[in-house]
């Protein structure tokens, strides 16, 4: 009972749709309303869902519900009812707006609109007196369902339909110990990854069999003590992630205490178990050398240049720090988002996103570019297009953002310092410098006569990152500005004609100014009339010529 396999929604624009799909486990109790999943499907295979509201009235004796996409994702509970035992057809009396192909029903992967209502079975309740049907809520991997956050009191109740009142009444007397067969089913991902649900009742913990979404055939005998109202108070733990369901069945005994082969059965609603944590276990240069985890703007060695690639490994974990191997195997694979934060107190202001910081779910395990263990992703194409030092926080990062299987996200453990990052390169812009002539009346200068600038050369240098558009590294200012006369190399003046004497030029030169926002200026000076063409080196008269002089310098951080 109460099993509804579900799949993820796709965000599509509102349009005509193919059908509504009713999904159930094929069996209900005559004494209780039976929950089902209803989906509005864009195509025959329901690979995507309609995103506008749909109103449907279900049969038999079903609710009128309004939902978008599917009832689980939108938080709507849909129920049908039948007070007499037997097989009835599921359907919908009215559907607005009408789909192209009406209503279709599925039990697992099989199309079947028959639901068998029975007089005995199991249902999950809240353990109260009197008990109330329970919807198992969102769980956290590795955490007991009885522990905060999201703690729930959960009971498995064995019931039958009272022939006089039609109400659900208990089957087992208080204090009865019964071996009930239980199993779990992985709905999304559609197969389990080897981790088992553990059921705890009366201080006894039992690991139960797991089953794929295709069907439930494997069970484990679990000793349960039933108390008031034929309820066995239990808790469970699942050390993996995904959407799963719990199943139970009991082989009814005859008057002599022998199994009859007839079962009373039941199941929970499908519920999501999300990761407890994400941990970035390593951040490395591409040559596998370590991130130096610098703490200040002058620490050496630096990590990588802004915008150039580095690598990282991320693990999805349960609450005990164990890897959850099914992460990334979902029908629509869930990924991880890496979010940078600037390290405080260092004068940093600009914090762009990490390039390729949304790690696709297909990168987890053996399907990624790096062959990892299940639940682990290593990527080698990350970059941060700025100067500075950051920390990195991982979180759920699938196609629907920080929202694991539609139930909300998980924010992981923040790393230590990553960096420092330095500029990848400098772009240079020039003014139009000009020389003065010493003999103003004739607009000329004699060979051997010192001359200087009328307009001094000014180079505007801008620190940039690698990547599309070579963005300016705006944090390259203040203590992060590292261009000095000591770092500049290769300064040279070269005349196109005749030997040039530069021996009297000032040192140091140029004057360097940090103008902020990743840019600065280099202003060159002759320090007076300190450039001259070397008359003695020529040794003979020469015809007048234009003083074409080039200035070169290496701009280095």
Protein backbone atom coordinates (compact mmCIF):
# COMPACT_ATOMS: atom_id res chain seq x y z
CA UNK A 1 0.00 0.00 0.00
CA UNK A 2 0.92 3.64 -0.36
CA UNK A 3 3.76 3.24 -2.85
CA UNK A 4 4.08 5.83 -5.57
CA UNK A 5 7.16 5.84 -7.80
CA UNK A 6 7.91 9.35 -8.98
CA UNK A 7 10.25 11.16 -11.30
CA UNK A 8 11.59 14.65 -11.62
CA UNK A 9 9.87 17.61 -13.30
CA UNK A 10 11.27 19.61 -16.18
CA UNK A 11 10.56 23.30 -16.39
CA UNK A 12 8.76 23.68 -19.71
CA UNK A 13 6.62 26.55 -20.93
CA UNK A 14 2.88 26.08 -20.44
CA UNK A 15 1.36 24.27 -23.43
CA UNK A 16 -1.05 21.49 -24.36
CA UNK A 17 -0.15 18.21 -22.68
CA UNK A 18 -0.55 14.52 -23.42
CA UNK A 19 -2.22 12.90 -20.37
CA UNK A 20 -2.46 12.78 -16.62
CA UNK A 21 -0.73 9.78 -15.09
CA UNK A 22 -1.95 8.13 -11.86
CA UNK A 23 0.75 6.12 -10.12
CA UNK A 24 0.12 3.72 -7.23
CA UNK A 25 1.19 0.36 -5.79
CA UNK A 26 -1.96 -1.44 -6.91
CA UNK A 27 -3.47 -2.01 -3.47
CA UNK A 28 -5.43 0.00 -0.92
CA UNK A 29 -7.24 -0.45 2.38
CA UNK A 30 -11.01 -0.36 2.53
CA UNK A 31 -10.82 1.39 5.90
CA UNK A 32 -8.54 4.23 4.78
CA UNK A 33 -8.08 6.68 1.93
CA UNK A 34 -5.34 5.54 -0.41
CA UNK A 35 -2.78 8.17 -1.49
CA UNK A 36 -1.66 8.20 -5.11
CA UNK A 37 0.67 10.30 -7.25
CA UNK A 38 -0.82 12.26 -10.14
CA UNK A 39 1.33 13.75 -12.86
CA UNK A 40 0.51 15.95 -15.85
CA UNK A 41 2.67 14.60 -18.68
CA UNK A 42 3.81 16.43 -21.77
CA UNK A 43 4.41 13.24 -23.77
CA UNK A 44 3.39 9.58 -23.82
CA UNK A 45 6.45 8.47 -21.83
CA UNK A 46 6.13 11.32 -19.32
CA UNK A 47 9.73 12.40 -19.80
CA UNK A 48 8.68 15.95 -18.94
CA UNK A 49 5.77 17.55 -17.13
CA UNK A 50 3.20 20.27 -17.72
CA UNK A 51 3.97 23.36 -15.66
CA UNK A 52 0.58 25.11 -15.54
CA UNK A 53 -2.13 24.26 -12.97
CA UNK A 54 -4.33 21.23 -13.59
CA UNK A 55 -7.58 20.42 -11.73
CA UNK A 56 -8.62 16.77 -11.61
CA UNK A 57 -11.30 14.78 -9.77
CA UNK A 58 -10.10 11.23 -9.19
CA UNK A 59 -12.07 8.00 -9.05
CA UNK A 60 -13.10 5.97 -7.14
CA UNK A 61 -14.50 8.55 -4.70
CA UNK A 62 -11.36 10.61 -5.08
CA UNK A 63 -10.27 14.10 -4.18
CA UNK A 64 -10.54 17.08 -6.47
CA UNK A 65 -7.00 18.42 -6.57
CA UNK A 66 -5.11 21.27 -8.17
CA UNK A 67 -1.49 20.56 -8.97
CA UNK A 68 1.38 21.53 -11.24
CA UNK A 69 3.67 18.89 -12.74
CA UNK A 70 3.20 16.17 -10.16
CA UNK A 71 1.51 15.97 -6.79
CA UNK A 72 4.61 14.96 -4.85
CA UNK A 73 6.73 17.85 -6.19
CA UNK A 74 3.97 20.39 -5.58
CA UNK A 75 3.14 19.10 -2.09
CA UNK A 76 -0.44 18.06 -2.90
CA UNK A 77 -1.80 14.80 -1.46
CA UNK A 78 -4.23 12.99 -3.74
CA UNK A 79 -6.38 10.17 -2.32
CA UNK A 80 -8.95 7.67 -3.57
CA UNK A 81 -11.39 5.59 -1.52
CA UNK A 82 -13.26 2.29 -1.76
CA UNK A 83 -15.13 0.83 1.23
CA UNK A 84 -15.66 -2.68 -0.12
CA UNK A 85 -12.98 -5.20 -0.97
CA UNK A 86 -12.30 -5.88 -4.63
CA UNK A 87 -10.65 -4.58 -7.73
CA UNK A 88 -11.75 -1.17 -9.02
CA UNK A 89 -10.49 1.02 -11.87
CA UNK A 90 -8.63 4.21 -11.12
CA UNK A 91 -9.37 7.22 -13.25
CA UNK A 92 -10.55 10.80 -13.32
CA UNK A 93 -14.07 12.13 -13.90
CA UNK A 94 -13.00 15.61 -14.89
CA UNK A 95 -9.66 17.11 -15.88
CA UNK A 96 -9.23 20.83 -16.54
CA UNK A 97 -7.64 21.75 -18.88
CA UNK A 98 -8.29 18.51 -20.73
CA UNK A 99 -5.22 16.57 -21.89
CA UNK A 100 -4.98 15.09 -25.35
CA UNK A 101 -5.20 11.49 -24.13
CA UNK A 102 -7.11 11.48 -20.84
CA UNK A 103 -5.88 9.56 -17.80
CA UNK A 104 -3.47 6.62 -17.68
CA UNK A 105 -2.51 4.51 -14.66
CA UNK A 106 0.76 2.78 -13.76
CA UNK A 107 1.90 0.32 -11.13
CA UNK A 108 5.63 0.76 -11.32
CA UNK A 109 6.56 0.56 -15.00
CA UNK A 110 3.43 -1.42 -15.94
CA UNK A 111 0.36 0.36 -17.28
CA UNK A 112 -2.54 -0.88 -15.15
CA UNK A 113 -5.55 1.02 -13.80
CA UNK A 114 -6.73 -1.78 -11.50
CA UNK A 115 -6.46 -1.18 -7.76
CA UNK A 116 -7.21 -4.02 -5.36
CA UNK A 117 -8.83 -2.78 -2.15
CA UNK A 118 -8.34 -5.21 0.77
CA UNK A 119 -9.69 -5.46 4.30
CA UNK A 120 -6.34 -6.09 6.05
CA UNK A 121 -2.90 -4.55 5.67
CA UNK A 122 -0.23 -2.27 7.07
CA UNK A 123 -0.14 1.48 7.09
CA UNK A 124 2.34 4.00 8.46
CA UNK A 125 0.98 6.16 11.29
CA UNK A 126 2.13 8.80 13.75
CA UNK A 127 2.03 6.44 16.76
CA UNK A 128 -0.69 8.50 18.48
CA UNK A 129 -3.77 7.23 20.29
CA UNK A 130 -5.86 7.14 18.17
CA UNK A 131 -3.36 6.88 15.31
CA UNK A 132 -3.34 9.08 12.24
CA UNK A 133 -2.02 8.11 8.81
CA UNK A 134 1.51 9.42 8.37
CA UNK A 135 3.39 10.89 5.43
CA UNK A 136 7.07 10.15 5.90
CA UNK A 137 8.90 13.45 5.50
CA UNK A 138 12.21 14.45 4.00
CA UNK A 139 15.12 12.59 5.58
CA UNK A 140 18.86 13.21 5.82
CA UNK A 141 21.32 10.52 4.81
CA UNK A 142 22.64 8.57 7.78
CA UNK A 143 20.36 10.31 10.31
CA UNK A 144 17.75 8.43 12.30
CA UNK A 145 14.21 9.41 11.38
CA UNK A 146 13.62 9.91 15.11
CA UNK A 147 16.39 12.52 15.45
CA UNK A 148 16.35 16.24 14.70
CA UNK A 149 16.20 17.95 12.33
CA UNK A 150 12.92 16.72 10.91
CA UNK A 151 12.36 14.15 13.66
CA UNK A 152 9.19 12.08 13.26
CA UNK A 153 7.42 9.52 15.40
CA UNK A 154 6.73 6.70 12.97
CA UNK A 155 4.72 3.55 13.56
CA UNK A 156 3.79 0.59 11.40
CA UNK A 157 0.17 -0.28 12.17
CA UNK A 158 -1.41 -3.62 11.31
CA UNK A 159 -5.10 -2.98 10.61
CA UNK A 160 -8.29 -4.56 9.35
CA UNK A 161 -11.62 -3.06 8.41
CA UNK A 162 -14.21 -3.29 11.19
CA UNK A 163 -17.25 -5.01 9.65
CA UNK A 164 -19.65 -2.87 11.70
CA UNK A 165 -18.11 0.61 11.47
CA UNK A 166 -15.86 0.38 8.41
CA UNK A 167 -13.06 1.96 10.45
CA UNK A 168 -9.48 0.67 10.69
CA UNK A 169 -8.92 -1.38 13.86
CA UNK A 170 -5.79 -3.12 15.09
CA UNK A 171 -4.87 -6.70 14.23
CA UNK A 172 -2.24 -7.49 16.89
CA UNK A 173 -2.78 -7.16 20.62
CA UNK A 174 -0.56 -4.78 22.56
CA UNK A 175 2.69 -6.45 23.56
CA UNK A 176 2.65 -8.95 20.66
CA UNK A 177 6.03 -9.69 19.03
CA UNK A 178 5.67 -10.40 15.30
CA UNK A 179 8.23 -11.05 12.59
CA UNK A 180 7.23 -8.77 9.74
CA UNK A 181 9.01 -8.89 6.40
CA UNK A 182 10.27 -5.47 5.32
CA UNK A 183 12.14 -4.10 2.34
CA UNK A 184 13.01 -0.77 0.76
CA UNK A 185 12.67 0.35 -2.84
CA UNK A 186 14.86 2.85 -4.66
CA UNK A 187 12.54 5.00 -6.79
CA UNK A 188 14.99 7.69 -7.95
CA UNK A 189 17.73 6.67 -8.67
CA UNK A 190 15.93 3.60 -10.03
CA UNK A 191 18.52 1.23 -8.57
CA UNK A 192 20.16 1.12 -5.17
CA UNK A 193 23.90 1.51 -4.71
CA UNK A 194 24.45 -1.17 -2.08
CA UNK A 195 23.42 0.77 1.02
CA UNK A 196 20.57 -0.66 3.11
CA UNK A 197 17.86 0.87 5.24
CA UNK A 198 18.09 -0.10 8.93
CA UNK A 199 14.88 -0.48 10.96
CA UNK A 200 14.98 -0.06 14.75
CA UNK A 201 12.17 -1.26 17.02
CA UNK A 202 12.28 -2.21 20.71
CA UNK A 203 16.06 -1.49 20.76
CA UNK A 204 16.70 -4.02 17.99
CA UNK A 205 18.12 -2.80 14.68
CA UNK A 206 17.73 -4.82 11.47
CA UNK A 207 19.16 -4.08 8.03
CA UNK A 208 16.51 -4.76 5.39
CA UNK A 209 16.73 -5.80 1.74
CA UNK A 210 16.71 -3.17 -0.96
CA UNK A 211 14.90 -3.33 -4.29
CA UNK A 212 14.98 -1.44 -7.59
CA UNK A 213 12.22 0.78 -8.90
CA UNK A 214 11.19 -2.04 -11.27
CA UNK A 215 9.57 -3.97 -8.40
CA UNK A 216 9.81 -5.27 -4.84
CA UNK A 217 10.64 -8.94 -4.40
CA UNK A 218 13.26 -9.04 -1.63
CA UNK A 219 12.31 -8.75 2.04
CA UNK A 220 14.02 -9.22 5.40
CA UNK A 221 12.31 -10.58 8.51
CA UNK A 222 12.20 -7.85 11.14
CA UNK A 223 11.15 -8.55 14.76
CA UNK A 224 8.58 -5.92 15.74
CA UNK A 225 6.80 -5.39 19.04
CA UNK A 226 3.29 -4.06 18.54
CA UNK A 227 1.82 -1.87 21.26
CA UNK A 228 -1.34 0.22 21.65
CA UNK A 229 -3.62 0.20 18.59
CA UNK A 230 -1.52 -2.53 16.97
CA UNK A 231 1.31 -0.08 16.27
CA UNK A 232 5.02 -0.91 16.20
CA UNK A 233 6.93 2.30 16.93
CA UNK A 234 10.03 2.32 14.78
CA UNK A 235 12.76 4.51 13.38
CA UNK A 236 14.89 4.00 10.33
CA UNK A 237 18.19 5.16 8.87
CA UNK A 238 19.27 5.23 5.23
CA UNK A 239 22.98 5.96 4.63
CA UNK A 240 22.48 7.01 1.02
CA UNK A 241 20.45 9.52 -0.98
CA UNK A 242 17.51 9.51 -3.35
CA UNK A 243 13.78 8.92 -3.27
CA UNK A 244 12.82 5.63 -1.63
CA UNK A 245 9.79 3.77 -0.24
CA UNK A 246 9.42 1.27 2.61
CA UNK A 247 7.45 -1.97 2.17
CA UNK A 248 6.11 -4.47 4.71
CA UNK A 249 4.21 -7.76 4.50
CA UNK A 250 3.08 -10.52 6.85
CA UNK A 251 2.20 -14.09 5.96
CA UNK A 252 -1.22 -14.58 7.59
CA UNK A 253 -1.41 -17.66 9.81
CA UNK A 254 -4.22 -20.19 9.92
CA UNK A 255 -5.94 -21.38 13.08
CA UNK A 256 -3.12 -23.84 13.69
CA UNK A 257 -0.43 -21.16 13.44
CA UNK A 258 0.83 -22.17 10.01
CA UNK A 259 1.46 -19.66 7.17
CA UNK A 260 -1.37 -19.56 4.64
CA UNK A 261 0.55 -17.91 1.80
CA UNK A 262 -1.88 -14.99 1.98
CA UNK A 263 -0.20 -11.72 2.91
CA UNK A 264 -1.28 -8.52 4.52
CA UNK A 265 0.94 -5.81 3.11
CA UNK A 266 1.57 -2.10 2.99
CA UNK A 267 4.08 0.54 2.08
CA UNK A 268 5.03 4.10 2.88
CA UNK A 269 4.77 7.12 0.64
CA UNK A 270 7.89 7.71 -1.46
CA UNK A 271 10.12 10.17 0.39
CA UNK A 272 13.41 11.87 -0.32
CA UNK A 273 16.63 11.30 1.60
CA UNK A 274 19.05 14.12 0.83
CA UNK A 275 22.80 14.39 1.51
CA UNK A 276 23.89 15.64 4.91
CA UNK A 277 27.05 17.31 3.67
CA UNK A 278 29.38 17.98 0.78
CA UNK A 279 33.13 18.08 1.37
CA UNK A 280 35.77 19.40 -1.01
CA UNK A 281 38.49 16.91 -0.18
CA UNK A 282 41.23 18.36 -2.37
CA UNK A 283 42.03 21.47 -4.39
CA UNK A 284 45.15 21.16 -6.54
CA UNK A 285 47.00 22.68 -9.43
CA UNK A 286 46.70 20.69 -12.64
CA UNK A 287 50.15 19.20 -11.99
CA UNK A 288 48.75 17.82 -8.69
CA UNK A 289 50.79 20.17 -6.51
CA UNK A 290 48.97 21.54 -3.50
CA UNK A 291 46.95 24.67 -3.03
CA UNK A 292 49.26 26.74 -0.77
CA UNK A 293 46.31 28.14 1.23
CA UNK A 294 47.90 31.59 1.44
CA UNK A 295 46.74 34.06 4.06
CA UNK A 296 47.97 37.38 2.66
CA UNK A 297 48.67 39.29 -0.57
CA UNK A 298 52.43 38.72 -0.50
CA UNK A 299 52.55 35.03 0.42
CA UNK A 300 54.55 32.77 -1.85
CA UNK A 301 54.21 30.61 -3.74
CA UNK A 302 50.96 31.76 -5.32
CA UNK A 303 48.33 29.17 -6.29
CA UNK A 304 47.36 29.78 -9.95
CA UNK A 305 46.81 32.70 -12.28
CA UNK A 306 43.36 34.25 -12.40
CA UNK A 307 41.01 32.37 -14.72
CA UNK A 308 43.41 29.49 -15.37
CA UNK A 309 42.37 25.96 -14.52
CA UNK A 310 42.74 24.09 -11.27
CA UNK A 311 41.18 20.84 -10.06
CA UNK A 312 39.00 19.81 -7.13
CA UNK A 313 37.39 16.69 -5.72
CA UNK A 314 33.96 16.80 -4.04
CA UNK A 315 32.25 14.09 -2.01
CA UNK A 316 28.54 13.79 -1.13
CA UNK A 317 28.31 12.46 2.42
CA UNK A 318 25.88 11.23 5.03
CA UNK A 319 25.67 12.63 8.55
CA UNK A 320 28.47 10.32 9.71
CA UNK A 321 30.89 11.47 7.03
CA UNK A 322 30.47 8.44 4.79
CA UNK A 323 30.15 8.84 1.02
CA UNK A 324 26.61 8.50 -0.37
CA UNK A 325 27.26 6.49 -3.55
CA UNK A 326 23.91 7.13 -5.28
CA UNK A 327 24.44 10.90 -5.50
CA UNK A 328 24.54 11.90 -9.15
CA UNK A 329 22.68 8.78 -10.31
CA UNK A 330 19.23 10.39 -10.17
CA UNK A 331 16.96 10.32 -13.22
CA UNK A 332 17.97 13.94 -13.73
CA UNK A 333 21.45 13.78 -12.18
CA UNK A 334 22.00 16.17 -9.29
CA UNK A 335 25.24 18.13 -9.29
CA UNK A 336 27.17 20.40 -6.95
CA UNK A 337 27.60 24.17 -6.99
CA UNK A 338 30.92 25.61 -5.75
CA UNK A 339 30.41 29.11 -4.35
CA UNK A 340 33.42 31.34 -3.61
CA UNK A 341 33.65 33.76 -0.68
CA UNK A 342 36.33 36.41 -0.27
CA UNK A 343 38.64 35.99 2.72
CA UNK A 344 37.95 38.95 4.97
CA UNK A 345 40.33 41.67 6.09
CA UNK A 346 42.41 41.66 2.92
CA UNK A 347 40.83 44.56 1.04
CA UNK A 348 39.13 42.34 -1.54
CA UNK A 349 35.86 43.57 -3.06
CA UNK A 350 35.05 41.71 -6.30
CA UNK A 351 33.90 38.10 -6.10
CA UNK A 352 32.95 36.58 -9.46
CA UNK A 353 31.58 33.06 -9.73
CA UNK A 354 33.94 30.14 -10.13
CA UNK A 355 34.25 29.26 -13.79
CA UNK A 356 32.61 25.84 -14.36
CA UNK A 357 31.67 25.92 -10.68
CA UNK A 358 28.41 24.06 -11.30
CA UNK A 359 29.59 20.46 -11.43
CA UNK A 360 27.23 18.26 -13.41
CA UNK A 361 25.82 15.17 -11.75
CA UNK A 362 27.31 13.02 -14.51
CA UNK A 363 30.75 13.89 -13.12
CA UNK A 364 30.06 11.72 -10.09
CA UNK A 365 31.40 8.18 -10.21
CA UNK A 366 32.76 6.48 -13.31
CA UNK A 367 30.69 8.53 -15.79
CA UNK A 368 32.71 11.70 -15.31
CA UNK A 369 35.82 12.98 -17.04
CA UNK A 370 37.77 11.48 -14.13
CA UNK A 371 36.91 7.93 -13.09
CA UNK A 372 35.91 8.38 -9.44
CA UNK A 373 34.19 6.24 -6.85
CA UNK A 374 30.39 6.56 -6.72
CA UNK A 375 29.36 9.71 -4.86
CA UNK A 376 32.67 11.42 -5.70
CA UNK A 377 33.40 13.93 -8.48
CA UNK A 378 36.78 15.26 -9.62
CA UNK A 379 36.85 18.10 -12.15
CA UNK A 380 39.88 19.71 -13.76
CA UNK A 381 38.36 22.77 -15.45
CA UNK A 382 37.68 25.12 -12.54
CA UNK A 383 38.89 28.71 -12.53
CA UNK A 384 38.42 31.91 -10.54
CA UNK A 385 38.81 35.04 -12.70
CA UNK A 386 40.05 37.39 -10.00
CA UNK A 387 43.01 38.22 -7.79
CA UNK A 388 42.89 37.33 -4.12
CA UNK A 389 42.20 34.51 -1.70
CA UNK A 390 38.85 32.75 -1.33
CA UNK A 391 37.09 29.95 0.45
CA UNK A 392 34.73 27.60 -1.39
CA UNK A 393 31.37 26.25 -0.20
CA UNK A 394 29.75 23.27 -1.97
CA UNK A 395 25.99 22.82 -2.19
CA UNK A 396 23.36 21.02 -4.25
CA UNK A 397 23.62 22.35 -7.79
CA UNK A 398 21.32 20.49 -10.19
CA UNK A 399 19.19 21.88 -12.98
CA UNK A 400 16.71 23.26 -10.42
CA UNK A 401 19.37 25.00 -8.35
CA UNK A 402 19.89 24.28 -4.67
CA UNK A 403 16.98 21.87 -4.52
CA UNK A 404 17.61 18.13 -4.18
CA UNK A 405 14.83 16.18 -5.94
CA UNK A 406 12.45 19.07 -5.33
CA UNK A 407 12.62 19.07 -1.51
CA UNK A 408 15.29 21.68 -0.73
CA UNK A 409 19.04 21.86 -0.71
CA UNK A 410 22.07 20.93 1.33
CA UNK A 411 24.95 23.32 1.98
CA UNK A 412 28.23 21.59 2.62
CA UNK A 413 31.42 22.30 4.54
CA UNK A 414 33.36 25.44 3.59
CA UNK A 415 36.98 24.90 2.63
CA UNK A 416 40.01 26.60 4.08
CA UNK A 417 41.79 29.31 2.11
CA UNK A 418 42.23 28.80 -1.61
CA UNK A 419 44.87 30.96 -3.30
CA UNK A 420 46.41 33.34 -3.73
CA UNK A 421 45.34 34.00 -7.31
CA UNK A 422 47.47 36.47 -9.32
CA UNK A 423 46.82 38.22 -12.66
CA UNK A 424 47.06 36.03 -15.72
CA UNK A 425 48.42 38.87 -17.86
CA UNK A 426 48.48 42.64 -18.36
CA UNK A 427 46.96 44.60 -21.16
CA UNK A 428 48.75 47.83 -22.08
CA UNK A 429 47.41 51.06 -23.57
CA UNK A 430 49.68 53.88 -24.76
CA UNK A 431 49.47 57.64 -25.15
CA UNK A 432 51.19 59.55 -27.97
CA UNK A 433 54.52 60.84 -26.55
CA UNK A 434 56.60 63.54 -28.25
CA UNK A 435 60.07 65.11 -27.87
CA UNK A 436 60.90 68.79 -27.46
CA UNK A 437 63.27 70.45 -29.89
CA UNK A 438 66.05 72.42 -28.19
CA UNK A 439 66.22 75.07 -30.89
CA UNK A 440 62.65 76.23 -30.75
CA UNK A 441 63.06 78.80 -33.52
CA UNK A 442 64.23 76.21 -36.01
CA UNK A 443 62.39 73.22 -34.57
CA UNK A 444 65.52 71.08 -34.43
CA UNK A 445 68.08 69.68 -32.02
CA UNK A 446 71.79 69.30 -32.69
CA UNK A 447 73.57 65.95 -32.60
CA UNK A 448 75.06 65.50 -29.12
CA UNK A 449 72.64 68.02 -27.63
CA UNK A 450 70.47 66.74 -24.78
CA UNK A 451 66.69 66.76 -25.24
CA UNK A 452 63.60 65.72 -23.29
CA UNK A 453 59.92 64.94 -23.65
CA UNK A 454 57.29 67.45 -24.60
CA UNK A 455 54.71 64.74 -23.82
CA UNK A 456 56.07 61.96 -21.62
CA UNK A 457 55.24 58.32 -22.44
CA UNK A 458 52.47 56.93 -20.24
CA UNK A 459 51.55 53.25 -20.29
CA UNK A 460 48.22 52.26 -18.73
CA UNK A 461 48.49 48.66 -17.57
CA UNK A 462 45.44 46.59 -16.61
CA UNK A 463 45.62 43.24 -14.86
CA UNK A 464 43.36 40.65 -16.49
CA UNK A 465 42.26 37.06 -16.02
CA UNK A 466 42.32 34.25 -18.54
CA UNK A 467 39.05 33.30 -20.19
CA UNK A 468 36.32 34.80 -22.30
CA UNK A 469 36.73 38.56 -22.63
CA UNK A 470 39.87 38.56 -20.46
CA UNK A 471 38.03 40.24 -17.57
CA UNK A 472 39.83 42.84 -15.49
CA UNK A 473 40.94 41.60 -12.08
CA UNK A 474 39.46 44.44 -10.08
CA UNK A 475 40.99 43.29 -6.79
CA UNK A 476 44.47 44.01 -8.16
CA UNK A 477 44.95 47.20 -6.18
CA UNK A 478 46.29 48.31 -2.84
CA UNK A 479 48.34 45.56 -1.18
CA UNK A 480 47.59 43.30 -4.14
CA UNK A 481 49.24 45.67 -6.66
CA UNK A 482 52.68 44.17 -7.23
CA UNK A 483 54.12 46.13 -10.18
CA UNK A 484 57.32 47.86 -8.99
CA UNK A 485 60.48 49.19 -10.60
CA UNK A 486 62.18 46.08 -9.29
CA UNK A 487 59.68 43.82 -11.08
CA UNK A 488 59.88 45.68 -14.39
CA UNK A 489 62.59 44.33 -16.64
CA UNK A 490 64.07 44.89 -20.06
CA UNK A 491 63.56 48.65 -20.28
CA UNK A 492 65.31 49.89 -23.42
CA UNK A 493 65.33 52.90 -25.73
CA UNK A 494 66.20 52.11 -29.33
CA UNK A 495 66.69 54.69 -32.07
CA UNK A 496 65.72 53.82 -35.61
CA UNK A 497 68.80 55.71 -36.87
CA UNK A 498 72.10 56.77 -35.25
CA UNK A 499 73.48 55.76 -31.85
CA UNK A 500 71.50 56.98 -28.81
CA UNK A 501 73.08 57.95 -25.47
CA UNK A 502 70.78 57.01 -22.52
CA UNK A 503 73.40 57.13 -19.80
CA UNK A 504 71.94 60.17 -18.07
CA UNK A 505 68.37 58.85 -17.72
CA UNK A 506 66.97 58.84 -14.17
CA UNK A 507 66.86 55.66 -12.12
CA UNK A 508 64.40 54.41 -11.04
CA UNK A 509 62.08 55.14 -13.93
CA UNK A 510 59.10 55.04 -14.59
CA UNK A 511 56.90 56.53 -11.88
CA UNK A 512 54.33 53.83 -11.05
CA UNK A 513 50.79 54.70 -9.89
CA UNK A 514 48.08 52.27 -8.75
CA UNK A 515 44.90 53.93 -10.01
CA UNK A 516 42.53 51.26 -8.62
CA UNK A 517 40.16 48.71 -10.10
CA UNK A 518 42.97 46.59 -11.51
CA UNK A 519 44.71 49.34 -13.48
CA UNK A 520 47.71 51.61 -13.04
CA UNK A 521 50.05 53.88 -14.96
CA UNK A 522 53.76 53.86 -15.78
CA UNK A 523 54.95 57.41 -16.51
CA UNK A 524 58.44 57.73 -18.01
CA UNK A 525 60.72 60.74 -17.68
CA UNK A 526 64.04 61.95 -19.04
CA UNK A 527 64.71 63.71 -15.74
CA UNK A 528 65.67 66.78 -17.75
CA UNK A 529 67.61 66.97 -21.00
CA UNK A 530 69.09 63.47 -20.60
CA UNK A 531 68.63 61.84 -24.00
CA UNK A 532 71.09 62.63 -26.80
CA UNK A 533 72.30 61.21 -30.08
CA UNK A 534 75.94 60.22 -29.65
CA UNK A 535 77.84 62.55 -31.98
CA UNK A 536 81.23 61.10 -31.08
CA UNK A 537 80.11 57.57 -31.90
CA UNK A 538 79.06 58.66 -35.38
CA UNK A 539 82.39 60.37 -36.15
CA UNK A 540 81.23 62.19 -39.26
CA UNK A 541 78.56 64.69 -40.25
CA UNK A 542 75.15 63.22 -41.09
CA UNK A 543 72.17 64.60 -42.87
CA UNK A 544 69.22 65.81 -40.76
CA UNK A 545 66.92 63.00 -39.63
CA UNK A 546 63.77 62.47 -37.55
CA UNK A 547 64.37 61.11 -34.03
CA UNK A 548 62.36 57.89 -34.21
CA UNK A 549 62.91 56.20 -30.83
CA UNK A 550 61.15 53.14 -29.44
CA UNK A 551 60.73 52.38 -25.75
CA UNK A 552 60.24 48.78 -24.60
CA UNK A 553 59.70 47.30 -21.14
CA UNK A 554 58.47 44.02 -19.63
CA UNK A 555 55.50 44.54 -17.32
CA UNK A 556 55.78 41.82 -14.70
CA UNK A 557 54.02 41.10 -11.41
